[in-house]
Amino acid sequence: MLIDSMVEVLPEMSNRITVDPAYCDQLGNLRPVISFSIPPYTLEGIAMARRVSKRIYQRVGAEDHTLYEATTYGWINYQGEGYVIRGGNHWAGTHLMGTSARDSVVDTQQRSWDHDNLYLVGAGSMPTAGTSNTTLTIAALSFRTAEHIAKALGGPLTATGNAA
């Protein structure tokens, strides 16, 4: 029996992807510089999930063979306990959606604050993702952006062609 838990990583101002001229590829293109730390809320969620897993194994009479070693990819130490954290591959973030250019990259239509004709459509607008796949949210955001672009170009306002 395998028990696997997923927890949300809340948005942190210090978690970001930037560029630095010191880091370029062989063609001179800027490479991403990733700054990331796991917030205390998420670490507490991971610790709680482990405690619940241990309790489940105990109650069903199963032997717990969980092994977290410091040499394992994703290993962290939190409050004296070792854990292995691996992402759920629900990519999100890097161009935060908001209501102001001061604290976001795109507006609520996913249009860049810096370039009126540039839309960054997808999960990048999401500052965080829970444990569910981002597909439905991406679809909803994409339809909303497409309707906005169609309206701006004089086209239909909805996917059905009806006025909104």
Protein backbone atom coordinates (compact mmCIF):
# COMPACT_ATOMS: atom_id res chain seq x y z
CA MET A 1 0.00 0.00 0.00
CA LEU A 2 1.35 3.42 -0.95
CA ILE A 3 0.17 6.61 0.69
CA ASP A 4 1.18 9.72 -1.16
CA SER A 5 0.22 13.24 -0.13
CA MET A 6 0.12 16.51 -2.01
CA VAL A 7 0.25 19.92 -0.37
CA GLU A 8 -0.06 23.44 -1.71
CA VAL A 9 2.93 25.74 -1.91
CA LEU A 10 1.61 29.21 -1.17
CA PRO A 11 2.97 32.17 -3.13
CA GLU A 12 6.04 33.77 -1.57
CA MET A 13 7.43 37.12 -2.69
CA SER A 14 10.95 35.69 -2.51
CA ASN A 15 10.08 32.78 -4.82
CA ARG A 16 10.70 33.98 -8.34
CA ILE A 17 12.29 33.38 -11.70
CA THR A 18 14.56 36.16 -12.93
CA VAL A 19 17.41 36.59 -15.36
CA ASP A 20 20.96 37.73 -14.76
CA PRO A 21 23.44 38.72 -17.49
CA ALA A 22 26.02 36.53 -15.72
CA TYR A 23 24.02 33.43 -16.73
CA CYS A 24 23.79 32.99 -20.49
CA ASP A 25 23.66 29.97 -22.77
CA GLN A 26 26.13 29.35 -25.60
CA LEU A 27 24.12 31.67 -27.90
CA GLY A 28 24.13 34.50 -25.37
CA ASN A 29 20.47 34.04 -24.38
CA LEU A 30 19.70 34.80 -20.75
CA ARG A 31 19.05 31.70 -18.68
CA PRO A 32 16.50 31.61 -15.87
CA VAL A 33 17.68 32.08 -12.30
CA ILE A 34 15.33 30.31 -9.91
CA SER A 35 14.94 31.46 -6.30
CA PHE A 36 12.70 29.11 -4.33
CA SER A 37 12.08 28.19 -0.73
CA ILE A 38 9.27 26.19 0.84
CA PRO A 39 7.12 28.34 3.16
CA PRO A 40 6.41 27.23 6.76
CA TYR A 41 2.71 26.64 5.98
CA THR A 42 3.66 24.05 3.37
CA LEU A 43 6.26 22.43 5.62
CA GLU A 44 3.63 22.08 8.36
CA GLY A 45 1.29 20.47 5.82
CA ILE A 46 3.98 17.98 4.85
CA ALA A 47 4.65 17.12 8.50
CA MET A 48 0.93 16.68 9.17
CA ALA A 49 0.53 14.44 6.12
CA ARG A 50 3.36 12.23 7.38
CA ARG A 51 1.78 11.96 10.84
CA VAL A 52 -1.56 10.95 9.26
CA SER A 53 0.20 8.39 7.04
CA LYS A 54 1.89 6.81 10.06
CA ARG A 55 -1.47 6.62 11.85
CA ILE A 56 -3.15 4.96 8.85
CA TYR A 57 -0.39 2.33 8.59
CA GLN A 58 -0.71 1.66 12.31
CA ARG A 59 -4.50 1.33 12.26
CA VAL A 60 -4.57 -1.09 9.33
CA GLY A 61 -1.74 -3.13 10.84
CA ALA A 62 0.66 -2.47 7.96
CA GLU A 63 4.40 -2.13 8.36
CA ASP A 64 5.63 1.31 7.31
CA HIS A 65 8.56 0.98 4.91
CA THR A 66 8.86 4.69 4.26
CA LEU A 67 12.49 5.68 3.97
CA TYR A 68 13.67 9.26 3.63
CA GLU A 69 17.43 9.51 3.16
CA ALA A 70 19.43 12.73 2.94
CA THR A 71 20.88 11.56 -0.40
CA THR A 72 17.42 11.18 -1.98
CA TYR A 73 16.31 13.80 -4.50
CA GLY A 74 13.93 16.25 -2.83
CA TRP A 75 15.05 15.46 0.74
CA ILE A 76 14.62 18.18 3.36
CA ASN A 77 14.91 18.35 7.13
CA TYR A 78 12.06 20.03 8.97
CA GLN A 79 12.01 20.20 12.77
CA GLY A 80 14.41 17.29 13.06
CA GLU A 81 12.47 15.00 10.71
CA GLY A 82 13.50 14.07 7.19
CA TYR A 83 11.03 14.27 4.30
CA VAL A 84 11.17 13.86 0.55
CA ILE A 85 9.30 16.51 -1.43
CA ARG A 86 8.60 16.11 -5.11
CA GLY A 87 6.47 18.38 -7.23
CA GLY A 88 3.13 17.35 -8.66
CA ASN A 89 4.11 18.76 -12.06
CA HIS A 90 1.22 21.21 -12.03
CA TRP A 91 3.25 24.09 -13.33
CA ALA A 92 2.07 27.59 -12.48
CA GLY A 93 3.45 31.04 -11.94
CA THR A 94 6.17 33.28 -13.41
CA HIS A 95 3.89 36.05 -14.70
CA LEU A 96 1.47 36.90 -11.92
CA MET A 97 -1.99 38.22 -12.78
CA GLY A 98 -3.20 41.29 -10.94
CA THR A 99 -4.91 44.64 -11.05
CA SER A 100 -1.81 46.84 -11.14
CA ALA A 101 1.50 46.94 -12.98
CA ARG A 102 3.13 47.66 -9.59
CA ASP A 103 2.58 44.11 -8.32
CA SER A 104 1.81 41.92 -11.33
CA VAL A 105 2.92 41.16 -14.89
CA VAL A 106 -0.47 40.73 -16.61
CA ASP A 107 -3.97 42.13 -16.12
CA THR A 108 -7.11 40.02 -15.61
CA GLN A 109 -7.26 39.38 -19.36
CA GLN A 110 -3.66 38.03 -19.22
CA ARG A 111 -2.46 41.03 -21.22
CA SER A 112 1.03 42.29 -20.41
CA TRP A 113 1.14 45.60 -18.59
CA ASP A 114 4.23 46.51 -20.64
CA HIS A 115 2.92 45.61 -24.13
CA ASP A 116 -0.76 46.10 -25.05
CA ASN A 117 -0.68 43.47 -27.78
CA LEU A 118 1.14 40.77 -25.77
CA TYR A 119 -0.97 38.15 -23.98
CA LEU A 120 0.66 35.57 -21.72
CA VAL A 121 -2.02 32.88 -21.73
CA GLY A 122 -1.78 29.87 -19.45
CA ALA A 123 -0.94 28.73 -15.94
CA GLY A 124 1.81 31.32 -15.61
CA SER A 125 -0.85 33.79 -14.45
CA MET A 126 -1.62 31.64 -11.42
CA PRO A 127 0.39 32.61 -8.32
CA THR A 128 -0.14 29.18 -6.80
CA ALA A 129 -1.69 25.84 -7.59
CA GLY A 130 -3.34 23.49 -5.16
CA THR A 131 -3.09 19.75 -5.43
CA SER A 132 -5.34 19.55 -8.48
CA ASN A 133 -4.26 19.72 -12.09
CA THR A 134 -4.31 23.23 -13.57
CA THR A 135 -6.00 22.21 -16.85
CA LEU A 136 -9.53 23.49 -16.14
CA THR A 137 -8.28 26.79 -14.78
CA ILE A 138 -6.03 27.24 -17.81
CA ALA A 139 -8.99 26.50 -20.10
CA ALA A 140 -11.22 29.03 -18.32
CA LEU A 141 -8.52 31.72 -18.39
CA SER A 142 -7.81 30.98 -22.06
CA PHE A 143 -11.48 31.28 -23.06
CA ARG A 144 -11.80 34.57 -21.17
CA THR A 145 -8.66 35.93 -22.87
CA ALA A 146 -9.83 34.70 -26.30
CA GLU A 147 -13.19 36.44 -25.86
CA HIS A 148 -11.39 39.64 -24.87
CA ILE A 149 -9.14 39.48 -27.94
CA ALA A 150 -12.10 38.68 -30.23
CA LYS A 151 -14.03 41.66 -28.85
CA ALA A 152 -11.01 43.94 -29.32
CA LEU A 153 -10.77 42.79 -32.94
CA GLY A 154 -14.51 43.32 -33.52
CA GLY A 155 -15.38 39.61 -33.49
CA PRO A 156 -17.92 37.60 -31.48
CA LEU A 157 -17.90 38.07 -27.72
CA THR A 158 -18.40 34.41 -26.76
CA ALA A 159 -17.36 31.01 -28.02
CA THR A 160 -20.94 30.52 -29.32
CA GLY A 161 -20.83 33.77 -31.27
CA ASN A 162 -23.52 35.40 -29.12
CA ALA A 163 -23.07 38.80 -27.55
CA ALA A 164 -22.16 38.58 -23.89
